[in-house]
Protein backbone atom coordinates (compact mmCIF):
# COMPACT_ATOMS: atom_id res chain seq x y z
CA UNK A 1 0.02 -0.06 0.25
CA UNK A 2 1.07 3.92 -0.73
CA UNK A 3 0.88 6.38 1.74
CA UNK A 4 -0.09 9.93 0.81
CA UNK A 5 -0.14 12.95 2.50
CA UNK A 6 -3.46 14.55 2.72
CA UNK A 7 -3.54 18.31 3.82
CA UNK A 8 -6.71 20.36 3.23
CA UNK A 9 -8.41 23.74 3.84
CA UNK A 10 -12.23 23.72 3.30
CA UNK A 11 -14.60 26.35 4.37
CA UNK A 12 -17.71 24.52 4.75
CA UNK A 13 -18.03 22.41 7.97
CA UNK A 14 -20.06 19.98 6.49
CA UNK A 15 -18.10 19.34 3.84
CA UNK A 16 -15.11 19.24 6.09
CA UNK A 17 -17.02 16.34 7.72
CA UNK A 18 -17.75 14.79 4.69
CA UNK A 19 -13.80 14.92 3.66
CA UNK A 20 -12.76 13.85 6.92
CA UNK A 21 -15.05 10.94 6.77
CA UNK A 22 -13.91 10.02 2.72
CA UNK A 23 -10.15 10.30 4.43
CA UNK A 24 -10.97 7.53 7.19
CA UNK A 25 -12.24 4.94 4.82
CA UNK A 26 -9.02 3.86 4.50
CA UNK A 27 -6.22 3.59 7.24
CA UNK A 28 -4.94 6.25 8.53
CA UNK A 29 -3.26 9.00 10.85
CA UNK A 30 -4.06 12.44 11.87
CA UNK A 31 -0.48 14.62 11.33
CA UNK A 32 -1.94 18.06 12.37
CA UNK A 33 -5.73 19.14 12.58
CA UNK A 34 -6.24 19.78 8.59
CA UNK A 35 -3.58 16.75 7.42
CA UNK A 36 -3.47 13.17 7.40
CA UNK A 37 -1.24 10.42 6.64
CA UNK A 38 -3.38 7.77 4.79
CA UNK A 39 -2.47 4.18 3.56
CA UNK A 40 -4.30 3.08 0.38
CA UNK A 41 -4.40 0.66 -2.67
CA UNK A 42 -5.65 3.54 -4.38
CA UNK A 43 -3.08 5.55 -6.74
CA UNK A 44 -2.81 9.56 -6.40
CA UNK A 45 -5.42 10.16 -9.16
CA UNK A 46 -8.12 7.46 -7.63
CA UNK A 47 -7.58 8.61 -4.09
CA UNK A 48 -7.54 12.90 -5.28
CA UNK A 49 -10.86 12.04 -7.49
CA UNK A 50 -12.57 10.80 -4.07
CA UNK A 51 -11.68 13.11 -2.27
CA UNK A 52 -12.14 16.38 -4.26
CA UNK A 53 -15.95 16.00 -4.23
CA UNK A 54 -15.74 17.43 -0.84
CA UNK A 55 -13.53 20.76 -1.71
CA UNK A 56 -15.35 23.86 -3.51
CA UNK A 57 -13.73 26.58 -5.41
CA UNK A 58 -11.94 28.62 -3.02
CA UNK A 59 -10.88 25.62 -0.88
CA UNK A 60 -7.92 23.46 -0.84
CA UNK A 61 -6.76 19.88 -0.88
CA UNK A 62 -3.00 18.47 -1.75
CA UNK A 63 -1.95 14.99 -1.93
CA UNK A 64 1.58 14.07 -1.64
CA UNK A 65 3.48 10.56 -1.57
CA UNK A 66 4.92 9.68 1.79
CA UNK A 67 8.03 7.23 1.92
CA UNK A 68 10.81 6.47 4.27
CA UNK A 69 13.11 7.90 5.37
CA UNK A 70 10.90 10.77 7.51
CA UNK A 71 11.77 13.35 10.08
CA UNK A 72 8.93 14.57 12.39
CA UNK A 73 8.03 15.40 15.93
CA UNK A 74 4.54 14.54 17.25
CA UNK A 75 2.68 12.26 19.42
CA UNK A 76 4.28 8.82 19.73
CA UNK A 77 1.37 6.86 18.08
CA UNK A 78 1.48 8.76 14.90
CA UNK A 79 5.50 8.38 14.76
CA UNK A 80 4.58 4.72 15.05
CA UNK A 81 1.95 4.53 12.54
CA UNK A 82 4.00 6.22 9.97
CA UNK A 83 7.11 3.77 10.89
CA UNK A 84 4.62 0.22 10.36
CA UNK A 85 3.14 2.05 7.14
CA UNK A 86 6.09 3.57 5.04
CA UNK A 87 8.03 1.92 2.72
CA UNK A 88 11.87 2.87 1.53
């Protein structure tokens, strides 16, 4: 499975709730208030298209492939998730 960084800024609470629910359909960990790492068998285009339904003009949504090595400071459980799911 690939792991993607998903980061967003969605202006409407209902759309944000829908986006977060869609993100959480795959294994995930929350990096910050508006960024997640998700493990998925989807390619970047399919994942983006699935999440794009919750984003309107003026909002933002970005995906980036994550791989080892990585560097970060944060909650221990997030670091464990990344170490278990990121590939070299």
